[in-house]
Amino acid sequence: MNSDRSQKSIAILGTRGIPAAHGGFERLAEELAIYLAKRDWDVTVYCQIGGRGEIKEDIWNGVHRVIISMANTGPVGTILFDWCSILHAVRSKPSRLLTLGYNTAVLGLLPYLMRIPNFINMDGLEWKRPKWNCVQRAWLWLNERAAIFLGDHLIADHPEIERRLLRWAAQSRITMIPYGAWRNGAQNMHCLSQYGVAPHKFSAVIARPEPENSLLEIVRAFSRRKRGTKLLVLGRFDLATNAYHRSVVNCASDEVIFPGAIYDSALVRGIRAECLLYIHGHQVGGTNPSLVESLGVGAAVLAHDNLFNRWVAGEGASYFGSEDELASRLDDLLDDTNELARMRATSLKRFQERFRWERVLAEYESLLLPLDISSGKKECSEPSDAFSAV
């Protein structure tokens, strides 16, 4: 390893690993790792797999992967995996760490004592999510505070997250960088017929079926009357054991389709691009990856009205604050082709302004490069002309 590359070494922790298959942080880890590796960084990403066995290592798309087997599942497995990852990372002595999420931030005491700079992406207000019980919320709240204390530099993916962090951390320790997406054009959507829908003849919801994502309100509002169009609700529903899931399905009209969770990324992109409306019910969080990706395909967005969604989707989207208001918005929008066309155009404009991966990844590298991490700014400066032109 040449000396320049050794000074540009980074370990990325906090995700289940790459290639991305689970969520937004995995996608960020994959995009950033490949980007940095192509720019002469020595990049390591820690990956979790099920079962038992020795730690394995390989190279994937120029990225060093450390693969840790974990027999435990759920929160216990996550904590054990994060602990094994941090132990391995500090022994390898990269010049810096990037930790995605604060759920086990107390484990960051080890790199803190070893004086390995740790950049922490603070994610959303995880401890506020209704799905957690009191003990879990307390754990997440304490880890948020631990991350603020132990992290050398904090990354907020939304201005509202940044404002929250400023209560406890100096502005020089915080940088706002949102989530990113690629601009995706038209898709071949002949396979939509398997779900009983046709291009531009359906609306879509893509979300975990949890109360904070407004699935029940969305399905009830859509099902109030005959729409003459379909609603496609993507997500994994466990009707046998989950009462909330059953309530969502039971209130649906025959125009609502539940195809389950779809993991074909090209198909999901196409569903976003070909829907009349993308309905986004998330009430808590920062820059939501699903919303950003919908902007990237030029979907017309109807979103829950909160500070997080309003900053991401901008004033060109439509918003609802209650089930009644959502039903009214659906009544107005589904047959208004001119308004839907305007909303699609404003989605693309907002995406181009702030959420292109080209810009986001350049901002991450700009933040990670200085050895003196105390020089961070409130928000990264504009990318170079080469990126601005993309």
Protein backbone atom coordinates (compact mmCIF):
# COMPACT_ATOMS: atom_id res chain seq x y z
CA MET A 1 0.00 0.00 0.00
CA ASN A 2 1.46 3.37 -0.96
CA SER A 3 1.72 6.07 1.72
CA ASP A 4 -0.98 8.25 0.13
CA ARG A 5 -3.41 5.34 0.06
CA SER A 6 -2.62 4.41 3.70
CA GLN A 7 -3.49 7.97 4.72
CA LYS A 8 -6.76 7.61 2.80
CA SER A 9 -7.94 4.45 4.52
CA ILE A 10 -11.45 4.14 5.90
CA ALA A 11 -13.57 1.47 7.54
CA ILE A 12 -17.36 1.72 7.09
CA LEU A 13 -19.38 0.24 9.93
CA GLY A 14 -22.99 0.09 11.08
CA THR A 15 -24.67 -1.65 8.14
CA ARG A 16 -25.40 -5.26 7.25
CA GLY A 17 -22.92 -4.90 4.43
CA ILE A 18 -22.60 -4.76 0.68
CA PRO A 19 -23.86 -5.36 -1.95
CA ALA A 20 -26.91 -3.48 -0.67
CA ALA A 21 -29.95 -5.63 -0.03
CA HIS A 22 -31.66 -4.22 3.05
CA GLY A 23 -32.07 -0.46 3.11
CA GLY A 24 -30.79 3.07 2.72
CA PHE A 25 -27.63 2.79 4.81
CA GLU A 26 -26.51 -0.29 2.87
CA ARG A 27 -27.04 1.60 -0.38
CA LEU A 28 -25.04 4.55 0.96
CA ALA A 29 -22.25 2.21 2.09
CA GLU A 30 -22.12 0.53 -1.33
CA GLU A 31 -22.19 3.73 -3.38
CA LEU A 32 -19.63 5.50 -1.20
CA ALA A 33 -17.30 2.52 -0.89
CA ILE A 34 -17.10 1.98 -4.66
CA TYR A 35 -16.73 5.72 -5.27
CA LEU A 36 -13.85 6.08 -2.79
CA ALA A 37 -12.11 2.90 -3.97
CA LYS A 38 -12.06 4.28 -7.52
CA ARG A 39 -10.46 7.45 -6.14
CA ASP A 40 -7.51 5.59 -4.59
CA TRP A 41 -8.91 5.10 -1.10
CA ASP A 42 -8.30 1.92 0.87
CA VAL A 43 -11.90 1.05 1.81
CA THR A 44 -13.12 -1.65 4.18
CA VAL A 45 -16.80 -2.45 4.71
CA TYR A 46 -17.99 -4.75 7.49
CA CYS A 47 -20.66 -7.25 6.43
CA GLN A 48 -22.96 -9.46 8.50
CA ILE A 49 -24.16 -12.91 7.46
CA GLY A 50 -26.13 -15.54 9.34
CA GLY A 51 -24.69 -18.68 10.91
CA ARG A 52 -21.40 -19.48 12.59
CA GLY A 53 -17.86 -19.46 11.32
CA GLU A 54 -14.57 -17.64 11.15
CA ILE A 55 -14.25 -14.09 9.92
CA LYS A 56 -13.74 -14.07 6.15
CA GLU A 57 -12.30 -11.36 3.93
CA ASP A 58 -12.53 -10.70 0.22
CA ILE A 59 -12.43 -7.94 -2.41
CA TRP A 60 -15.65 -6.82 -4.08
CA ASN A 61 -15.57 -4.10 -6.76
CA GLY A 62 -12.27 -2.85 -5.37
CA VAL A 63 -13.63 -2.76 -1.80
CA HIS A 64 -12.20 -4.86 1.03
CA ARG A 65 -15.04 -6.71 2.74
CA VAL A 66 -14.78 -8.20 6.23
CA ILE A 67 -17.55 -10.80 6.55
CA ILE A 68 -18.63 -11.72 10.07
CA SER A 69 -20.96 -14.66 10.74
CA MET A 70 -23.55 -14.03 13.43
CA ALA A 71 -25.85 -16.79 14.70
CA ASN A 72 -27.86 -14.39 16.86
CA THR A 73 -30.66 -12.43 15.21
CA GLY A 74 -32.47 -9.23 16.11
CA PRO A 75 -31.04 -6.51 18.39
CA VAL A 76 -28.68 -8.90 20.19
CA GLY A 77 -27.15 -10.01 16.92
CA THR A 78 -26.75 -6.40 15.81
CA ILE A 79 -24.94 -5.42 19.00
CA LEU A 80 -22.61 -8.44 18.80
CA PHE A 81 -21.89 -7.79 15.13
CA ASP A 82 -21.12 -4.12 15.76
CA TRP A 83 -18.81 -5.07 18.64
CA CYS A 84 -16.91 -7.59 16.49
CA SER A 85 -16.68 -5.03 13.69
CA ILE A 86 -15.25 -2.30 15.92
CA LEU A 87 -12.72 -4.69 17.50
CA HIS A 88 -11.50 -5.78 14.08
CA ALA A 89 -11.43 -2.21 12.77
CA VAL A 90 -9.35 -0.72 15.58
CA ARG A 91 -6.85 -3.58 15.27
CA SER A 92 -6.55 -2.84 11.55
CA LYS A 93 -5.92 0.86 12.33
CA PRO A 94 -7.55 2.68 9.42
CA SER A 95 -6.94 6.42 9.33
CA ARG A 96 -10.66 7.06 9.94
CA LEU A 97 -13.99 5.34 10.56
CA LEU A 98 -17.41 6.10 9.12
CA THR A 99 -20.20 4.74 11.33
CA LEU A 100 -23.66 4.72 9.76
CA GLY A 101 -26.23 5.11 12.53
CA TYR A 102 -25.98 5.55 16.28
CA ASN A 103 -27.86 2.47 17.51
CA THR A 104 -24.76 1.04 19.24
CA ALA A 105 -22.80 4.27 19.63
CA VAL A 106 -21.63 3.35 23.15
CA LEU A 107 -19.27 0.88 21.45
CA GLY A 108 -17.59 3.92 19.89
CA LEU A 109 -15.76 4.39 23.18
CA LEU A 110 -13.06 2.03 21.86
CA PRO A 111 -12.04 4.05 18.75
CA TYR A 112 -12.44 7.20 20.89
CA LEU A 113 -9.82 5.91 23.36
CA MET A 114 -7.64 4.65 20.48
CA ARG A 115 -7.85 8.14 18.90
CA ILE A 116 -9.13 6.86 15.57
CA PRO A 117 -11.32 9.63 14.07
CA ASN A 118 -14.92 8.44 13.88
CA PHE A 119 -17.41 10.19 11.57
CA ILE A 120 -20.95 9.23 12.60
CA ASN A 121 -24.02 9.58 10.38
CA MET A 122 -26.74 10.33 12.93
CA ASP A 123 -29.63 8.97 10.83
CA GLY A 124 -33.13 10.06 11.93
CA LEU A 125 -34.82 10.31 15.32
CA GLU A 126 -34.79 6.55 15.76
CA TRP A 127 -35.74 6.66 19.43
CA LYS A 128 -38.99 8.47 18.57
CA ARG A 129 -40.41 5.65 16.47
CA PRO A 130 -43.62 4.20 17.98
CA LYS A 131 -42.60 0.62 17.21
CA TRP A 132 -40.04 0.60 20.04
CA ASN A 133 -40.98 -0.16 23.64
CA CYS A 134 -39.82 2.02 26.54
CA VAL A 135 -36.60 0.08 27.15
CA GLN A 136 -35.65 0.13 23.46
CA ARG A 137 -36.39 3.85 23.21
CA ALA A 138 -34.24 4.56 26.26
CA TRP A 139 -31.37 2.54 24.74
CA LEU A 140 -31.60 4.44 21.45
CA TRP A 141 -31.87 7.83 23.18
CA LEU A 142 -28.78 7.09 25.29
CA ASN A 143 -26.87 5.96 22.21
CA GLU A 144 -27.80 9.15 20.38
CA ARG A 145 -26.22 11.12 23.22
CA ALA A 146 -23.21 8.78 23.27
CA ALA A 147 -22.69 9.35 19.54
CA ILE A 148 -22.78 13.12 20.04
CA PHE A 149 -20.11 12.85 22.73
CA LEU A 150 -17.89 10.14 21.19
CA GLY A 151 -18.09 11.05 17.51
CA ASP A 152 -15.30 13.24 16.20
CA HIS A 153 -17.62 14.61 13.52
CA LEU A 154 -21.39 14.22 13.13
CA ILE A 155 -23.19 13.93 9.79
CA ALA A 156 -26.84 14.98 9.62
CA ASP A 157 -28.84 13.86 6.59
CA HIS A 158 -31.46 16.61 7.00
CA PRO A 159 -31.48 20.23 8.24
CA GLU A 160 -33.90 19.29 11.04
CA ILE A 161 -31.48 16.64 12.30
CA GLU A 162 -28.71 19.21 12.11
CA ARG A 163 -30.75 21.67 14.17
CA ARG A 164 -31.31 19.02 16.82
CA LEU A 165 -27.60 18.20 17.01
CA LEU A 166 -26.73 21.88 17.43
CA ARG A 167 -28.33 21.76 20.88
CA TRP A 168 -25.43 19.64 22.13
CA ALA A 169 -22.57 19.94 19.62
CA ALA A 170 -20.66 22.85 18.13
CA GLN A 171 -21.48 23.75 14.55
CA SER A 172 -17.88 23.00 13.57
CA ARG A 173 -18.51 19.32 14.44
CA ILE A 174 -21.61 18.94 12.26
CA THR A 175 -22.00 18.63 8.49
CA MET A 176 -25.32 18.27 6.66
CA ILE A 177 -25.19 15.80 3.75
CA PRO A 178 -28.49 14.26 2.58
CA TYR A 179 -29.11 10.84 1.11
CA GLY A 180 -28.66 10.46 -2.65
CA ALA A 181 -30.09 8.64 -5.66
CA TRP A 182 -29.35 8.17 -9.32
CA ARG A 183 -31.46 9.80 -11.99
CA ASN A 184 -33.46 6.98 -13.53
CA GLY A 185 -35.35 7.26 -16.78
CA ALA A 186 -38.08 5.14 -18.32
CA GLN A 187 -38.16 1.43 -17.49
CA ASN A 188 -39.46 -1.59 -19.39
CA MET A 189 -42.56 -2.29 -17.33
CA HIS A 190 -44.24 -5.16 -19.18
CA CYS A 191 -43.83 -7.17 -15.96
CA LEU A 192 -46.31 -4.88 -14.16
CA SER A 193 -49.14 -7.02 -15.49
CA GLN A 194 -48.24 -9.77 -13.00
CA TYR A 195 -49.46 -7.41 -10.26
CA GLY A 196 -52.68 -6.53 -12.03
CA VAL A 197 -51.68 -2.96 -12.93
CA ALA A 198 -50.64 -1.05 -16.05
CA PRO A 199 -48.30 1.95 -16.41
CA HIS A 200 -49.89 5.23 -15.25
CA LYS A 201 -52.97 3.34 -14.03
CA PHE A 202 -51.99 2.95 -10.39
CA SER A 203 -50.59 4.76 -7.35
CA ALA A 204 -47.84 3.27 -5.18
CA VAL A 205 -46.74 3.05 -1.56
CA ILE A 206 -43.35 1.53 -0.71
CA ALA A 207 -42.78 1.33 3.04
CA ARG A 208 -42.46 -0.96 6.02
CA PRO A 209 -46.01 -1.51 7.31
CA GLU A 210 -45.64 0.34 10.61
CA PRO A 211 -47.94 2.96 12.21
CA GLU A 212 -45.38 5.76 11.78
CA ASN A 213 -45.54 5.25 8.00
CA SER A 214 -49.30 5.91 7.83
CA LEU A 215 -50.13 2.71 5.93
CA LEU A 216 -53.50 2.32 7.64
CA GLU A 217 -54.52 5.91 6.91
CA ILE A 218 -53.38 5.65 3.28
CA VAL A 219 -55.25 2.43 2.57
CA ARG A 220 -58.42 3.62 4.34
CA ALA A 221 -58.40 6.97 2.52
CA PHE A 222 -57.88 5.30 -0.86
CA SER A 223 -60.61 2.74 -0.13
CA ARG A 224 -63.33 5.25 0.81
CA ARG A 225 -64.81 5.11 -2.67
CA LYS A 226 -64.35 3.53 -6.06
CA ARG A 227 -61.30 5.14 -7.68
CA GLY A 228 -61.17 3.48 -11.09
CA THR A 229 -57.44 2.97 -10.51
CA LYS A 230 -55.28 0.72 -8.34
CA LEU A 231 -53.12 1.24 -5.27
CA LEU A 232 -50.01 -0.93 -5.11
CA VAL A 233 -48.73 -1.35 -1.52
CA LEU A 234 -45.25 -2.84 -1.40
CA GLY A 235 -44.08 -4.25 1.91
CA ARG A 236 -43.80 -7.43 3.92
CA PHE A 237 -47.03 -8.19 5.78
CA ASP A 238 -47.21 -10.81 8.51
CA LEU A 239 -50.92 -11.45 8.84
CA ALA A 240 -50.49 -14.37 11.23
CA THR A 241 -48.87 -12.49 14.10
CA ASN A 242 -49.10 -8.74 13.45
CA ALA A 243 -52.42 -7.05 14.33
CA TYR A 244 -51.47 -3.79 12.61
CA HIS A 245 -50.72 -5.61 9.37
CA ARG A 246 -54.09 -7.35 9.53
CA SER A 247 -55.90 -4.05 10.11
CA VAL A 248 -54.29 -2.53 7.01
CA VAL A 249 -55.22 -5.44 4.78
CA ASN A 250 -58.74 -5.81 6.22
CA CYS A 251 -59.70 -2.19 5.48
CA ALA A 252 -58.57 -2.35 1.84
CA SER A 253 -60.98 -2.21 -1.08
CA ASP A 254 -60.62 -4.55 -4.04
CA GLU A 255 -58.63 -1.81 -5.81
CA VAL A 256 -55.74 -2.17 -3.33
CA ILE A 257 -53.07 -4.75 -4.22
CA PHE A 258 -50.52 -6.19 -1.78
CA PRO A 259 -47.74 -7.87 -3.80
CA GLY A 260 -45.48 -8.27 -0.75
CA ALA A 261 -41.91 -7.07 -0.53
CA ILE A 262 -40.16 -6.74 -3.91
CA TYR A 263 -36.35 -6.84 -3.91
CA ASP A 264 -35.77 -6.44 -7.65
CA SER A 265 -34.35 -2.88 -7.63
CA ALA A 266 -35.02 -2.32 -11.34
CA LEU A 267 -38.66 -3.34 -10.91
CA VAL A 268 -39.07 -1.09 -7.86
CA ARG A 269 -37.58 1.84 -9.80
CA GLY A 270 -40.02 1.16 -12.60
CA ILE A 271 -42.97 1.07 -10.21
CA ARG A 272 -41.96 4.49 -8.88
CA ALA A 273 -41.50 5.87 -12.40
CA GLU A 274 -44.76 4.53 -13.84
CA CYS A 275 -47.17 5.29 -10.99
CA LEU A 276 -49.67 8.15 -11.13
CA LEU A 277 -48.86 9.13 -7.56
CA TYR A 278 -46.18 8.06 -5.12
CA ILE A 279 -47.76 8.28 -1.66
CA HIS A 280 -45.24 8.75 1.14
CA GLY A 281 -46.64 8.46 4.66
CA HIS A 282 -43.46 8.58 6.76
CA GLN A 283 -43.94 10.79 9.80
CA VAL A 284 -40.51 10.49 11.49
CA GLY A 285 -37.00 10.59 10.11
CA GLY A 286 -34.52 12.62 8.17
CA THR A 287 -33.94 12.41 4.42
CA ASN A 288 -35.87 9.26 3.57
CA PRO A 289 -34.20 7.17 0.81
CA SER A 290 -37.51 6.00 -0.63
CA LEU A 291 -38.70 9.58 -1.07
CA VAL A 292 -35.40 10.66 -2.66
CA GLU A 293 -35.48 7.74 -5.09
CA SER A 294 -39.03 8.69 -6.08
CA LEU A 295 -37.89 12.21 -6.87
CA GLY A 296 -35.09 10.71 -8.96
CA VAL A 297 -37.53 8.96 -11.29
CA GLY A 298 -39.76 12.02 -11.54
CA ALA A 299 -42.71 10.63 -9.60
CA ALA A 300 -45.55 12.91 -8.53
CA VAL A 301 -45.31 12.90 -4.73
CA LEU A 302 -48.15 13.08 -2.20
CA ALA A 303 -46.49 13.07 1.23
CA HIS A 304 -47.32 13.31 4.91
CA ASP A 305 -47.03 16.95 5.95
CA ASN A 306 -44.03 17.32 8.25
CA LEU A 307 -40.76 19.25 8.27
CA PHE A 308 -38.75 16.24 7.10
CA ASN A 309 -40.81 15.52 3.98
CA ARG A 310 -41.36 19.19 3.10
CA TRP A 311 -37.63 19.91 2.88
CA VAL A 312 -36.95 16.80 0.79
CA ALA A 313 -39.85 16.96 -1.68
CA GLY A 314 -40.11 20.75 -1.75
CA GLU A 315 -43.09 22.95 -2.46
CA GLY A 316 -43.90 21.23 -5.75
CA ALA A 317 -45.24 18.12 -3.99
CA SER A 318 -48.70 17.78 -2.44
CA TYR A 319 -49.15 17.08 1.29
CA PHE A 320 -51.70 15.67 3.72
CA GLY A 321 -51.94 15.99 7.48
CA SER A 322 -54.84 13.64 8.22
CA GLU A 323 -56.75 10.74 6.69
CA ASP A 324 -59.58 13.06 5.64
CA GLU A 325 -57.14 15.44 3.99
CA LEU A 326 -55.46 12.55 2.20
CA ALA A 327 -58.80 11.33 0.85
CA SER A 328 -59.53 14.85 -0.41
CA ARG A 329 -56.11 15.11 -2.09
CA LEU A 330 -56.72 11.79 -3.84
CA ASP A 331 -60.11 13.00 -5.05
CA ASP A 332 -58.49 16.10 -6.55
CA LEU A 333 -55.29 14.66 -7.97
CA LEU A 334 -55.98 11.26 -9.50
CA ASP A 335 -57.92 12.72 -12.45
CA ASP A 336 -55.91 15.94 -12.82
CA THR A 337 -53.38 15.08 -15.53
CA ASN A 338 -52.05 18.64 -15.76
CA GLU A 339 -51.34 18.87 -12.03
CA LEU A 340 -49.70 15.45 -12.00
CA ALA A 341 -47.45 16.47 -14.89
CA ARG A 342 -46.46 19.63 -13.02
CA MET A 343 -45.68 17.62 -9.89
CA ARG A 344 -43.50 15.18 -11.85
CA ALA A 345 -41.49 18.06 -13.30
CA THR A 346 -40.98 19.68 -9.90
CA SER A 347 -39.86 16.34 -8.42
CA LEU A 348 -37.08 16.10 -11.00
CA LYS A 349 -36.11 19.72 -10.43
CA ARG A 350 -35.84 19.20 -6.66
CA PHE A 351 -33.82 16.01 -7.20
CA GLN A 352 -31.36 17.76 -9.50
CA GLU A 353 -30.96 20.59 -6.99
CA ARG A 354 -29.82 18.49 -4.04
CA PHE A 355 -29.95 14.69 -4.18
CA ARG A 356 -27.78 13.42 -7.03
CA TRP A 357 -25.33 10.74 -5.87
CA GLU A 358 -22.60 12.53 -7.84
CA ARG A 359 -22.90 15.52 -5.54
CA VAL A 360 -23.57 13.60 -2.32
CA LEU A 361 -20.56 11.28 -2.72
CA ALA A 362 -18.27 14.21 -3.57
CA GLU A 363 -19.42 15.94 -0.38
CA TYR A 364 -18.65 12.85 1.69
CA GLU A 365 -15.13 12.65 0.27
CA SER A 366 -14.61 16.38 0.83
CA LEU A 367 -15.58 15.92 4.48
CA LEU A 368 -13.50 12.77 5.01
CA LEU A 369 -10.29 13.98 3.33
CA PRO A 370 -8.90 16.52 5.84
CA LEU A 371 -6.84 14.94 8.59
CA ASP A 372 -7.90 17.85 10.82
CA ILE A 373 -11.59 16.98 11.09
CA SER A 374 -12.27 19.98 13.29
CA SER A 375 -12.46 22.06 10.11
CA GLY A 376 -15.92 20.77 9.15
CA LYS A 377 -18.53 23.23 7.95
CA LYS A 378 -22.24 23.49 8.53
CA GLU A 379 -22.86 22.10 5.06
CA CYS A 380 -20.36 21.03 2.44
CA SER A 381 -19.52 23.59 -0.17
CA GLU A 382 -20.80 23.28 -3.70
CA PRO A 383 -19.15 20.43 -5.65
CA SER A 384 -16.69 21.16 -8.40
CA ASP A 385 -17.81 22.22 -11.88
CA ALA A 386 -17.25 18.65 -13.09
CA PHE A 387 -19.94 17.38 -10.74
CA SER A 388 -22.23 20.36 -11.23
CA ALA A 389 -22.42 19.53 -14.91
CA VAL A 390 -23.59 15.94 -14.34
